[in-house]
Amino acid sequence: MANLVPIKKEHHQNLKIAAQRSLKHIAGLHIVPITAPEYSKGAMSYPVFIVKDPDSNRFRSVAMLGLETGENLFLKGDDWTGLYAPQSVGMVPFSLGLDPDKEKTLTACVDLDSEYVGEDKELPLYNEKGEETDLMKNIQDTLGRLYESEVMTERFIKEMQDAELLEEVELVITFANGEKKKIVGIHTIKEPKLRELSDEQVLDFHKRGMFIPIHSMLSSIGQLNRLAQLRNEQSDVKVAGVQVVPLEK
């Protein structure tokens, strides 16, 4: 479990970060979080869906990296083979957390137990004068942008719900040996409903840039074929096809 603590100069002036880091911490994840502003980049590599958290019933958007639990088809050893890695997974060992000294204020945190953190690493967070290095400033800026993107994503998903544009689907995976497997609990944009938007809604969505994540999510579904291809390259159990089936209410 991560040992996340707020980064404070008085405690971490000598702390350094490894110059070389990898994404091996997501090797066993078949879905990872992705934000709406990233959909267009992510759609070039993998499917983007919306899933509902069974515990909180909140929706969140994810990049699908594998066709079954524990399968990440974009990692070969420690090497990421995708064209784009979601910001949420690329920030390790950093994340946002509450500042204990400032009520309801988020601050940059670091995982002190990470193999990439220590006083013996290469990249300092503070210089000899105790001033923040460019690395530290970039980390804070990037975490801030990631938080803003997460807020935008929540708003985007809420608007899709309000406009009744979310559709629950299941993925039916057919294997070469005739066996079939289903992936359930995922949602995407309901394309027929999209065509029913009023002229006023279309103009509003266009002006606010809403169609960019909408069409990116829809186009990303084609990357299911890429997942099948990657799976076939790495497994003896070959995939013959993947079908997206809307679930009737």
C-alpha atoms as a PDB file:
ATOM      1  CA  MET A   1       0.000   0.000   0.000  1.00  0.00           C
ATOM      2  CA  ALA A   2       1.283   3.473  -0.879  1.00  0.00           C
ATOM      3  CA  ASN A   3       2.714   5.649   1.893  1.00  0.00           C
ATOM      4  CA  LEU A   4       1.479   9.007   0.580  1.00  0.00           C
ATOM      5  CA  VAL A   5       2.506  12.127   2.485  1.00  0.00           C
ATOM      6  CA  PRO A   6       2.232  15.846   1.624  1.00  0.00           C
ATOM      7  CA  ILE A   7       5.515  17.203   0.263  1.00  0.00           C
ATOM      8  CA  LYS A   8       6.936  19.742   2.737  1.00  0.00           C
ATOM      9  CA  LYS A   9      10.294  21.489   2.405  1.00  0.00           C
ATOM     10  CA  GLU A  10      11.054  21.102   6.115  1.00  0.00           C
ATOM     11  CA  HIS A  11      10.736  17.312   5.821  1.00  0.00           C
ATOM     12  CA  HIS A  12      11.719  16.584   2.230  1.00  0.00           C
ATOM     13  CA  GLN A  13      14.377  19.095   1.234  1.00  0.00           C
ATOM     14  CA  ASN A  14      16.829  16.292   0.463  1.00  0.00           C
ATOM     15  CA  LEU A  15      14.295  14.024  -1.233  1.00  0.00           C
ATOM     16  CA  LYS A  16      14.998  13.010  -4.819  1.00  0.00           C
ATOM     17  CA  ILE A  17      13.207  11.146  -7.601  1.00  0.00           C
ATOM     18  CA  ALA A  18      14.605   8.498  -9.931  1.00  0.00           C
ATOM     19  CA  ALA A  19      15.380   9.773 -13.423  1.00  0.00           C
ATOM     20  CA  GLN A  20      14.019   6.560 -14.983  1.00  0.00           C
ATOM     21  CA  ARG A  21      10.513   5.384 -14.077  1.00  0.00           C
ATOM     22  CA  SER A  22       8.154   2.887 -15.680  1.00  0.00           C
ATOM     23  CA  LEU A  23       4.475   1.978 -15.733  1.00  0.00           C
ATOM     24  CA  LYS A  24       4.985  -1.526 -14.351  1.00  0.00           C
ATOM     25  CA  HIS A  25       2.691  -0.635 -11.422  1.00  0.00           C
ATOM     26  CA  ILE A  26      -0.286  -1.062 -13.790  1.00  0.00           C
ATOM     27  CA  ALA A  27       0.877  -4.404 -15.195  1.00  0.00           C
ATOM     28  CA  GLY A  28      -2.083  -6.215 -13.619  1.00  0.00           C
ATOM     29  CA  LEU A  29      -4.754  -3.655 -14.512  1.00  0.00           C
ATOM     30  CA  HIS A  30      -7.096  -4.100 -17.462  1.00  0.00           C
ATOM     31  CA  ILE A  31      -8.730  -0.688 -16.919  1.00  0.00           C
ATOM     32  CA  VAL A  32      -7.215   2.571 -15.668  1.00  0.00           C
ATOM     33  CA  PRO A  33      -8.729   6.041 -15.134  1.00  0.00           C
ATOM     34  CA  ILE A  34      -8.676   8.535 -17.993  1.00  0.00           C
ATOM     35  CA  THR A  35     -10.111  12.057 -18.132  1.00  0.00           C
ATOM     36  CA  ALA A  36     -12.358  13.597 -20.793  1.00  0.00           C
ATOM     37  CA  PRO A  37      -9.666  15.996 -22.128  1.00  0.00           C
ATOM     38  CA  GLU A  38      -7.519  12.912 -22.815  1.00  0.00           C
ATOM     39  CA  TYR A  39     -10.120  10.927 -24.760  1.00  0.00           C
ATOM     40  CA  SER A  40      -8.944  12.123 -28.169  1.00  0.00           C
ATOM     41  CA  LYS A  41      -5.358  11.007 -27.473  1.00  0.00           C
ATOM     42  CA  GLY A  42      -6.331   7.777 -25.773  1.00  0.00           C
ATOM     43  CA  ALA A  43      -8.729   6.835 -28.562  1.00  0.00           C
ATOM     44  CA  MET A  44      -5.752   6.311 -30.860  1.00  0.00           C
ATOM     45  CA  SER A  45      -4.610   3.330 -28.768  1.00  0.00           C
ATOM     46  CA  TYR A  46      -7.413   1.781 -26.700  1.00  0.00           C
ATOM     47  CA  PRO A  47     -11.179   1.784 -26.092  1.00  0.00           C
ATOM     48  CA  VAL A  48     -12.549   4.392 -23.692  1.00  0.00           C
ATOM     49  CA  PHE A  49     -15.656   3.518 -21.695  1.00  0.00           C
ATOM     50  CA  ILE A  50     -17.595   4.747 -18.682  1.00  0.00           C
ATOM     51  CA  VAL A  51     -18.099   2.366 -15.775  1.00  0.00           C
ATOM     52  CA  LYS A  52     -20.107   2.572 -12.573  1.00  0.00           C
ATOM     53  CA  ASP A  53     -18.386   2.037  -9.240  1.00  0.00           C
ATOM     54  CA  PRO A  54     -20.421  -0.707  -7.505  1.00  0.00           C
ATOM     55  CA  ASP A  55     -19.669   0.716  -4.069  1.00  0.00           C
ATOM     56  CA  SER A  56     -20.450   4.401  -4.654  1.00  0.00           C
ATOM     57  CA  ASN A  57     -22.646   4.123  -7.795  1.00  0.00           C
ATOM     58  CA  ARG A  58     -20.566   6.953  -9.258  1.00  0.00           C
ATOM     59  CA  PHE A  59     -19.600   6.867 -12.912  1.00  0.00           C
ATOM     60  CA  ARG A  60     -15.987   7.206 -14.013  1.00  0.00           C
ATOM     61  CA  SER A  61     -14.268   6.969 -17.363  1.00  0.00           C
ATOM     62  CA  VAL A  62     -11.599   4.365 -18.021  1.00  0.00           C
ATOM     63  CA  ALA A  63      -9.180   3.250 -20.681  1.00  0.00           C
ATOM     64  CA  MET A  64      -9.504  -0.474 -21.413  1.00  0.00           C
ATOM     65  CA  LEU A  65      -6.067  -2.080 -21.643  1.00  0.00           C
ATOM     66  CA  GLY A  66      -7.076  -5.742 -21.691  1.00  0.00           C
ATOM     67  CA  LEU A  67      -9.971  -8.101 -22.388  1.00  0.00           C
ATOM     68  CA  GLU A  68     -10.052  -9.682 -18.948  1.00  0.00           C
ATOM     69  CA  THR A  69      -9.218  -8.862 -15.344  1.00  0.00           C
ATOM     70  CA  GLY A  70      -5.478  -8.714 -14.668  1.00  0.00           C
ATOM     71  CA  GLU A  71      -4.562  -8.401 -18.344  1.00  0.00           C
ATOM     72  CA  ASN A  72      -2.627  -5.359 -19.577  1.00  0.00           C
ATOM     73  CA  LEU A  73      -1.814  -5.805 -23.259  1.00  0.00           C
ATOM     74  CA  PHE A  74       0.170  -2.569 -23.544  1.00  0.00           C
ATOM     75  CA  LEU A  75       3.030  -3.501 -21.204  1.00  0.00           C
ATOM     76  CA  LYS A  76       5.884  -5.685 -22.372  1.00  0.00           C
ATOM     77  CA  GLY A  77       8.092  -6.096 -19.346  1.00  0.00           C
ATOM     78  CA  ASP A  78       8.525  -2.550 -18.084  1.00  0.00           C
ATOM     79  CA  ASP A  79       7.944  -0.997 -21.508  1.00  0.00           C
ATOM     80  CA  TRP A  80       4.705   0.783 -22.385  1.00  0.00           C
ATOM     81  CA  THR A  81       3.804   0.142 -26.025  1.00  0.00           C
ATOM     82  CA  GLY A  82       0.791   2.447 -26.374  1.00  0.00           C
ATOM     83  CA  LEU A  83       0.880   5.792 -28.140  1.00  0.00           C
ATOM     84  CA  TYR A  84      -0.399   7.603 -25.045  1.00  0.00           C
ATOM     85  CA  ALA A  85      -0.465   6.817 -21.330  1.00  0.00           C
ATOM     86  CA  PRO A  86      -3.239   8.376 -19.206  1.00  0.00           C
ATOM     87  CA  GLN A  87      -2.012  11.110 -16.887  1.00  0.00           C
ATOM     88  CA  SER A  88      -3.398   9.345 -13.840  1.00  0.00           C
ATOM     89  CA  VAL A  89      -0.979   6.420 -14.197  1.00  0.00           C
ATOM     90  CA  GLY A  90       1.991   8.489 -15.361  1.00  0.00           C
ATOM     91  CA  MET A  91       2.162  10.602 -12.190  1.00  0.00           C
ATOM     92  CA  VAL A  92       3.392   7.810  -9.907  1.00  0.00           C
ATOM     93  CA  PRO A  93       4.887   8.275  -7.290  1.00  0.00           C
ATOM     94  CA  PHE A  94       2.964  11.580  -6.984  1.00  0.00           C
ATOM     95  CA  SER A  95      -0.690  12.361  -6.371  1.00  0.00           C
ATOM     96  CA  LEU A  96      -2.935  15.020  -4.897  1.00  0.00           C
ATOM     97  CA  GLY A  97      -3.995  14.823  -1.260  1.00  0.00           C
ATOM     98  CA  LEU A  98      -5.359  16.993   1.512  1.00  0.00           C
ATOM     99  CA  ASP A  99      -2.953  19.417   3.146  1.00  0.00           C
ATOM    100  CA  PRO A 100      -3.123  18.808   6.928  1.00  0.00           C
ATOM    101  CA  ASP A 101      -2.027  22.414   7.548  1.00  0.00           C
ATOM    102  CA  LYS A 102      -4.682  24.009   5.340  1.00  0.00           C
ATOM    103  CA  GLU A 103      -8.307  22.988   5.663  1.00  0.00           C
ATOM    104  CA  LYS A 104      -9.953  21.681   2.462  1.00  0.00           C
ATOM    105  CA  THR A 105      -6.806  22.408   0.432  1.00  0.00           C
ATOM    106  CA  LEU A 106      -5.214  19.927  -1.954  1.00  0.00           C
ATOM    107  CA  THR A 107      -1.449  19.631  -2.180  1.00  0.00           C
ATOM    108  CA  ALA A 108       1.188  17.527  -3.912  1.00  0.00           C
ATOM    109  CA  CYS A 109       1.916  14.233  -2.157  1.00  0.00           C
ATOM    110  CA  VAL A 110       4.604  11.606  -2.709  1.00  0.00           C
ATOM    111  CA  ASP A 111       4.745   7.884  -1.961  1.00  0.00           C
ATOM    112  CA  LEU A 112       7.728   7.538   0.357  1.00  0.00           C
ATOM    113  CA  ASP A 113       7.710   3.754  -0.066  1.00  0.00           C
ATOM    114  CA  SER A 114       8.075   3.962  -3.851  1.00  0.00           C
ATOM    115  CA  GLU A 115      11.213   2.499  -5.376  1.00  0.00           C
ATOM    116  CA  TYR A 116      11.558   5.755  -7.316  1.00  0.00           C
ATOM    117  CA  VAL A 117      11.892   7.909  -4.182  1.00  0.00           C
ATOM    118  CA  GLY A 118      14.884   8.420  -1.920  1.00  0.00           C
ATOM    119  CA  GLU A 119      17.781  10.701  -1.034  1.00  0.00           C
ATOM    120  CA  ASP A 120      20.045   8.533  -3.197  1.00  0.00           C
ATOM    121  CA  LYS A 121      18.110   9.182  -6.445  1.00  0.00           C
ATOM    122  CA  GLU A 122      19.028  11.615  -9.234  1.00  0.00           C
ATOM    123  CA  LEU A 123      16.419  14.398  -9.455  1.00  0.00           C
ATOM    124  CA  PRO A 124      15.980  16.740  -6.448  1.00  0.00           C
ATOM    125  CA  LEU A 125      12.687  18.359  -5.506  1.00  0.00           C
ATOM    126  CA  TYR A 126      14.522  21.267  -3.823  1.00  0.00           C
ATOM    127  CA  ASN A 127      17.884  22.883  -4.539  1.00  0.00           C
ATOM    128  CA  GLU A 128      20.663  23.708  -2.086  1.00  0.00           C
ATOM    129  CA  LYS A 129      18.890  26.950  -1.109  1.00  0.00           C
ATOM    130  CA  GLY A 130      15.695  25.127  -0.264  1.00  0.00           C
ATOM    131  CA  GLU A 131      13.927  26.454  -3.359  1.00  0.00           C
ATOM    132  CA  GLU A 132      11.633  24.317  -5.495  1.00  0.00           C
ATOM    133  CA  THR A 133      13.338  22.885  -8.563  1.00  0.00           C
ATOM    134  CA  ASP A 134      11.741  23.031 -12.011  1.00  0.00           C
ATOM    135  CA  LEU A 135      10.830  19.365 -11.516  1.00  0.00           C
ATOM    136  CA  MET A 136       8.862  20.154  -8.366  1.00  0.00           C
ATOM    137  CA  LYS A 137       7.102  23.071 -10.057  1.00  0.00           C
ATOM    138  CA  ASN A 138       6.198  20.883 -13.038  1.00  0.00           C
ATOM    139  CA  ILE A 139       4.825  18.182 -10.733  1.00  0.00           C
ATOM    140  CA  GLN A 140       2.592  20.694  -8.970  1.00  0.00           C
ATOM    141  CA  ASP A 141       1.389  22.179 -12.265  1.00  0.00           C
ATOM    142  CA  THR A 142       0.655  18.761 -13.753  1.00  0.00           C
ATOM    143  CA  LEU A 143      -1.229  17.584 -10.653  1.00  0.00           C
ATOM    144  CA  GLY A 144      -3.254  20.792 -10.759  1.00  0.00           C
ATOM    145  CA  ARG A 145      -4.176  20.224 -14.403  1.00  0.00           C
ATOM    146  CA  LEU A 146      -5.047  16.593 -13.668  1.00  0.00           C
ATOM    147  CA  TYR A 147      -7.414  17.691 -10.911  1.00  0.00           C
ATOM    148  CA  GLU A 148      -9.088  20.203 -13.225  1.00  0.00           C
ATOM    149  CA  SER A 149      -9.435  17.467 -15.862  1.00  0.00           C
ATOM    150  CA  GLU A 150     -11.042  15.136 -13.319  1.00  0.00           C
ATOM    151  CA  VAL A 151     -13.571  17.829 -12.407  1.00  0.00           C
ATOM    152  CA  MET A 152     -14.307  18.395 -16.107  1.00  0.00           C
ATOM    153  CA  THR A 153     -14.820  14.647 -16.549  1.00  0.00           C
ATOM    154  CA  GLU A 154     -17.355  14.478 -13.723  1.00  0.00           C
ATOM    155  CA  ARG A 155     -19.268  17.333 -15.321  1.00  0.00           C
ATOM    156  CA  PHE A 156     -19.085  15.697 -18.747  1.00  0.00           C
ATOM    157  CA  ILE A 157     -20.453  12.390 -17.443  1.00  0.00           C
ATOM    158  CA  LYS A 158     -23.228  14.211 -15.551  1.00  0.00           C
ATOM    159  CA  GLU A 159     -24.244  16.031 -18.731  1.00  0.00           C
ATOM    160  CA  MET A 160     -24.302  12.771 -20.660  1.00  0.00           C
ATOM    161  CA  GLN A 161     -26.585  11.315 -18.002  1.00  0.00           C
ATOM    162  CA  ASP A 162     -28.875  14.339 -17.997  1.00  0.00           C
ATOM    163  CA  ALA A 163     -29.154  14.218 -21.804  1.00  0.00           C
ATOM    164  CA  GLU A 164     -29.821  10.453 -21.630  1.00  0.00           C
ATOM    165  CA  LEU A 165     -26.828   9.834 -23.881  1.00  0.00           C
ATOM    166  CA  LEU A 166     -25.251   7.061 -21.803  1.00  0.00           C
ATOM    167  CA  GLU A 167     -25.937   3.513 -22.914  1.00  0.00           C
ATOM    168  CA  GLU A 168     -24.997   0.334 -21.078  1.00  0.00           C
ATOM    169  CA  VAL A 169     -23.397  -2.259 -23.314  1.00  0.00           C
ATOM    170  CA  GLU A 170     -21.678  -5.602 -22.965  1.00  0.00           C
ATOM    171  CA  LEU A 171     -18.712  -6.916 -24.890  1.00  0.00           C
ATOM    172  CA  VAL A 172     -19.102 -10.402 -26.314  1.00  0.00           C
ATOM    173  CA  ILE A 173     -15.711 -11.944 -26.978  1.00  0.00           C
ATOM    174  CA  THR A 174     -15.703 -14.949 -29.287  1.00  0.00           C
ATOM    175  CA  PHE A 175     -12.637 -17.195 -29.219  1.00  0.00           C
ATOM    176  CA  ALA A 176     -11.327 -19.269 -32.089  1.00  0.00           C
ATOM    177  CA  ASN A 177     -12.282 -22.474 -30.223  1.00  0.00           C
ATOM    178  CA  GLY A 178     -15.934 -21.371 -30.179  1.00  0.00           C
ATOM    179  CA  GLU A 179     -16.062 -20.281 -26.549  1.00  0.00           C
ATOM    180  CA  LYS A 180     -17.595 -16.935 -25.646  1.00  0.00           C
ATOM    181  CA  LYS A 181     -17.035 -14.513 -22.784  1.00  0.00           C
ATOM    182  CA  LYS A 182     -18.893 -11.361 -21.778  1.00  0.00           C
ATOM    183  CA  ILE A 183     -17.621  -8.133 -20.230  1.00  0.00           C
ATOM    184  CA  VAL A 184     -20.453  -6.263 -18.522  1.00  0.00           C
ATOM    185  CA  GLY A 185     -20.979  -3.073 -16.556  1.00  0.00           C
ATOM    186  CA  ILE A 186     -19.639  -0.671 -19.171  1.00  0.00           C
ATOM    187  CA  HIS A 187     -21.270   2.314 -20.824  1.00  0.00           C
ATOM    188  CA  THR A 188     -20.673   4.384 -23.925  1.00  0.00           C
ATOM    189  CA  ILE A 189     -22.453   7.117 -25.881  1.00  0.00           C
ATOM    190  CA  LYS A 190     -25.823   6.105 -27.334  1.00  0.00           C
ATOM    191  CA  GLU A 191     -25.306   7.101 -30.955  1.00  0.00           C
ATOM    192  CA  PRO A 192     -28.969   7.031 -32.065  1.00  0.00           C
ATOM    193  CA  LYS A 193     -29.876   9.315 -29.152  1.00  0.00           C
ATOM    194  CA  LEU A 194     -27.088  11.662 -30.200  1.00  0.00           C
ATOM    195  CA  ARG A 195     -28.818  12.198 -33.527  1.00  0.00           C
ATOM    196  CA  GLU A 196     -32.001  13.180 -31.705  1.00  0.00           C
ATOM    197  CA  LEU A 197     -30.444  16.214 -29.995  1.00  0.00           C
ATOM    198  CA  SER A 198     -32.278  19.437 -30.690  1.00  0.00           C
ATOM    199  CA  ASP A 199     -30.623  22.158 -32.776  1.00  0.00           C
ATOM    200  CA  GLU A 200     -30.255  24.170 -29.579  1.00  0.00           C
ATOM    201  CA  GLN A 201     -28.493  21.296 -27.807  1.00  0.00           C
ATOM    202  CA  VAL A 202     -26.218  20.668 -30.791  1.00  0.00           C
ATOM    203  CA  LEU A 203     -25.189  24.331 -30.903  1.00  0.00           C
ATOM    204  CA  ASP A 204     -24.613  24.374 -27.144  1.00  0.00           C
ATOM    205  CA  PHE A 205     -22.509  21.183 -27.230  1.00  0.00           C
ATOM    206  CA  HIS A 206     -20.537  22.501 -30.212  1.00  0.00           C
ATOM    207  CA  LYS A 207     -19.713  25.837 -28.563  1.00  0.00           C
ATOM    208  CA  ARG A 208     -18.546  24.130 -25.378  1.00  0.00           C
ATOM    209  CA  GLY A 209     -16.447  21.505 -27.153  1.00  0.00           C
ATOM    210  CA  MET A 210     -18.562  18.608 -25.909  1.00  0.00           C
ATOM    211  CA  PHE A 211     -18.510  16.771 -29.213  1.00  0.00           C
ATOM    212  CA  ILE A 212     -14.748  16.240 -28.985  1.00  0.00           C
ATOM    213  CA  PRO A 213     -14.909  13.761 -26.070  1.00  0.00           C
ATOM    214  CA  ILE A 214     -18.219  12.351 -27.356  1.00  0.00           C
ATOM    215  CA  HIS A 215     -16.897  11.418 -30.788  1.00  0.00           C
ATOM    216  CA  SER A 216     -13.526  10.374 -29.352  1.00  0.00           C
ATOM    217  CA  MET A 217     -15.276   7.863 -27.102  1.00  0.00           C
ATOM    218  CA  LEU A 218     -17.356   6.545 -29.987  1.00  0.00           C
ATOM    219  CA  SER A 219     -14.375   6.205 -32.316  1.00  0.00           C
ATOM    220  CA  SER A 220     -12.316   4.494 -29.617  1.00  0.00           C
ATOM    221  CA  ILE A 221     -14.622   1.472 -29.747  1.00  0.00           C
ATOM    222  CA  GLY A 222     -12.804   0.468 -32.926  1.00  0.00           C
ATOM    223  CA  GLN A 223      -9.710  -0.133 -30.794  1.00  0.00           C
ATOM    224  CA  LEU A 224     -11.357  -3.295 -29.479  1.00  0.00           C
ATOM    225  CA  ASN A 225      -9.962  -4.881 -32.623  1.00  0.00           C
ATOM    226  CA  ARG A 226      -6.510  -3.695 -31.569  1.00  0.00           C
ATOM    227  CA  LEU A 227      -6.966  -5.325 -28.167  1.00  0.00           C
ATOM    228  CA  ALA A 228      -7.938  -8.570 -29.893  1.00  0.00           C
ATOM    229  CA  GLN A 229      -4.875  -8.346 -32.127  1.00  0.00           C
ATOM    230  CA  LEU A 230      -2.551  -7.692 -29.171  1.00  0.00           C
ATOM    231  CA  ARG A 231      -4.144 -10.556 -27.268  1.00  0.00           C
ATOM    232  CA  ASN A 232      -3.617 -12.912 -30.200  1.00  0.00           C
ATOM    233  CA  GLU A 233       0.036 -11.909 -30.411  1.00  0.00           C
ATOM    234  CA  GLN A 234       0.570 -12.684 -26.719  1.00  0.00           C
ATOM    235  CA  SER A 235      -1.692 -15.672 -26.040  1.00  0.00           C
ATOM    236  CA  ASP A 236      -2.326 -19.146 -27.423  1.00  0.00           C
ATOM    237  CA  VAL A 237      -6.057 -18.645 -26.787  1.00  0.00           C
ATOM    238  CA  LYS A 238      -6.950 -16.682 -29.921  1.00  0.00           C
ATOM    239  CA  VAL A 239      -9.773 -14.161 -30.186  1.00  0.00           C
ATOM    240  CA  ALA A 240     -11.928 -14.472 -33.294  1.00  0.00           C
ATOM    241  CA  GLY A 241     -13.986 -11.326 -32.710  1.00  0.00           C
ATOM    242  CA  VAL A 242     -15.375  -8.783 -30.241  1.00  0.00           C
ATOM    243  CA  GLN A 243     -18.942  -7.523 -30.491  1.00  0.00           C
ATOM    244  CA  VAL A 244     -20.493  -4.541 -28.686  1.00  0.00           C
ATOM    245  CA  VAL A 245     -24.082  -5.357 -27.706  1.00  0.00           C
ATOM    246  CA  PRO A 246     -26.436  -2.704 -26.263  1.00  0.00           C
ATOM    247  CA  LEU A 247     -28.368  -3.872 -23.212  1.00  0.00           C
ATOM    248  CA  GLU A 248     -32.090  -3.351 -23.488  1.00  0.00           C
ATOM    249  CA  LYS A 249     -33.682  -1.803 -20.443  1.00  0.00           C
END
